[in-house]
Protein backbone atom coordinates (compact mmCIF):
# COMPACT_ATOMS: atom_id res chain seq x y z
CA MET A 1 1.64 28.42 -27.02
CA GLU A 2 2.28 29.68 -23.44
CA ARG A 3 -0.57 32.14 -23.87
CA ARG A 4 -2.89 29.51 -25.33
CA TYR A 5 -2.04 27.27 -22.34
CA ARG A 6 -2.68 30.02 -19.84
CA ARG A 7 -6.07 30.72 -21.50
CA THR A 8 -7.19 27.15 -21.74
CA HIS A 9 -5.30 25.28 -19.01
CA ARG A 10 -5.60 22.11 -21.08
CA ARG A 11 -2.84 19.36 -20.69
CA ASP A 12 -2.21 18.99 -24.44
CA ASP A 13 -1.66 22.94 -24.69
CA ARG A 14 0.70 22.61 -21.81
CA ARG A 15 2.43 19.67 -23.42
CA ARG A 16 2.92 21.50 -26.77
CA TRP A 17 4.13 24.64 -24.91
CA VAL A 18 6.77 22.58 -22.89
CA GLU A 19 7.81 20.81 -25.98
CA ALA A 20 8.28 23.94 -27.98
CA THR A 21 10.29 25.48 -25.05
CA ARG A 22 12.59 22.49 -24.91
CA ARG A 23 13.26 22.54 -28.69
CA ARG A 24 14.11 26.25 -28.50
CA PHE A 25 16.39 25.70 -25.59
CA SER A 26 18.08 22.72 -27.37
CA VAL A 27 18.67 24.91 -30.42
CA TYR A 28 20.06 27.62 -28.15
CA TRP A 29 22.36 25.16 -26.29
CA SER A 30 23.76 23.51 -29.53
CA LYS A 31 24.52 26.94 -30.92
CA LYS A 32 26.28 28.10 -27.76
CA GLU A 33 28.14 24.81 -27.53
CA ARG A 34 29.24 25.07 -31.32
CA TYR A 35 30.46 28.54 -30.72
CA TRP A 36 32.57 27.76 -27.68
CA SER A 37 33.89 24.59 -29.33
CA ASP A 38 35.01 26.68 -32.46
CA ARG A 39 36.71 29.25 -30.17
CA LEU A 40 38.57 26.54 -28.34
CA ALA A 41 39.62 24.83 -31.52
CA ARG A 42 40.88 28.16 -32.96
CA TYR A 43 42.66 29.40 -29.91
CA GLY A 44 43.11 26.47 -27.64
CA ARG A 45 46.74 25.92 -28.33
CA SER A 46 47.68 29.47 -27.46
CA SER A 47 46.90 30.51 -23.92
CA PRO A 48 47.43 34.35 -24.60
CA ALA A 49 45.24 34.17 -27.77
CA LEU A 50 42.49 32.30 -25.84
CA TRP A 51 42.54 34.75 -23.02
CA ARG A 52 42.51 37.66 -25.46
CA SER A 53 39.43 36.08 -27.14
CA LEU A 54 37.69 35.51 -23.89
CA SER A 55 38.48 39.02 -22.59
CA THR A 56 36.87 40.43 -25.61
CA VAL A 57 33.55 38.38 -24.99
CA LEU A 58 33.68 39.38 -21.37
CA GLY A 59 34.31 43.00 -22.16
CA ARG A 60 37.54 43.38 -20.41
CA ARG A 61 39.65 44.66 -23.40
CA ARG A 62 38.44 48.02 -23.32
CA ASP A 63 40.52 50.89 -21.95
CA VAL A 64 38.41 52.42 -19.12
CA THR A 65 41.05 54.87 -18.04
CA ALA A 66 40.53 56.96 -21.22
CA ALA A 67 36.79 56.53 -21.31
CA THR A 68 35.96 59.22 -18.88
CA HIS A 69 37.31 62.76 -18.06
CA HIS A 70 37.05 62.21 -14.33
CA THR A 71 39.76 63.33 -12.02
CA ALA A 72 40.58 62.93 -8.38
CA ARG A 73 40.13 66.62 -7.79
CA GLY A 74 36.76 66.60 -9.55
CA PHE A 75 35.70 63.68 -7.49
CA ALA A 76 36.56 65.38 -4.20
CA ASP A 77 35.00 68.51 -5.20
CA PHE A 78 31.75 66.78 -6.00
CA PHE A 79 31.49 65.32 -2.47
CA LYS A 80 32.69 68.42 -0.80
CA ASN A 81 29.86 70.40 -2.58
CA LYS A 82 27.34 67.69 -1.76
CA ILE A 83 28.20 67.72 1.95
CA ASP A 84 28.17 71.67 1.96
CA ASP A 85 24.66 71.57 0.38
CA ILE A 86 23.28 69.04 2.83
CA ARG A 87 24.72 71.12 5.71
CA ALA A 88 23.24 74.34 4.30
CA THR A 89 19.87 72.51 3.91
CA THR A 90 19.75 70.97 7.35
CA SER A 91 21.50 73.86 9.28
CA GLY A 92 18.32 75.17 10.98
CA MET A 93 17.06 71.78 12.21
CA SER A 94 17.56 70.28 15.49
CA ARG A 95 19.14 66.86 15.77
CA ARG A 96 15.78 65.22 16.42
CA GLN A 97 14.23 66.78 13.37
CA SER A 98 17.07 65.83 10.94
CA ILE A 99 16.69 62.02 12.02
CA ILE A 100 12.98 61.98 11.27
């Protein structure tokens, strides 16, 4: 409907497009409201259970410490090597050349 309106620029095509968009938004909003109402009804009396449920939705329940194999030593080595590479690349330049 949007494409049709953009092509024709007719008022009735715009009205149909706006009405369809509002209907779609209304369906989305009602589903969202029902979902959260169900969550609150299920876990509303227990704060810890409610927070566990919300943390899952927000993606906060995953263990990020075990997700990577990065170490402080590796982090420091990475930046030391990066600085050494930059210095080696720019060692022959004057200060004026390196700014430009």
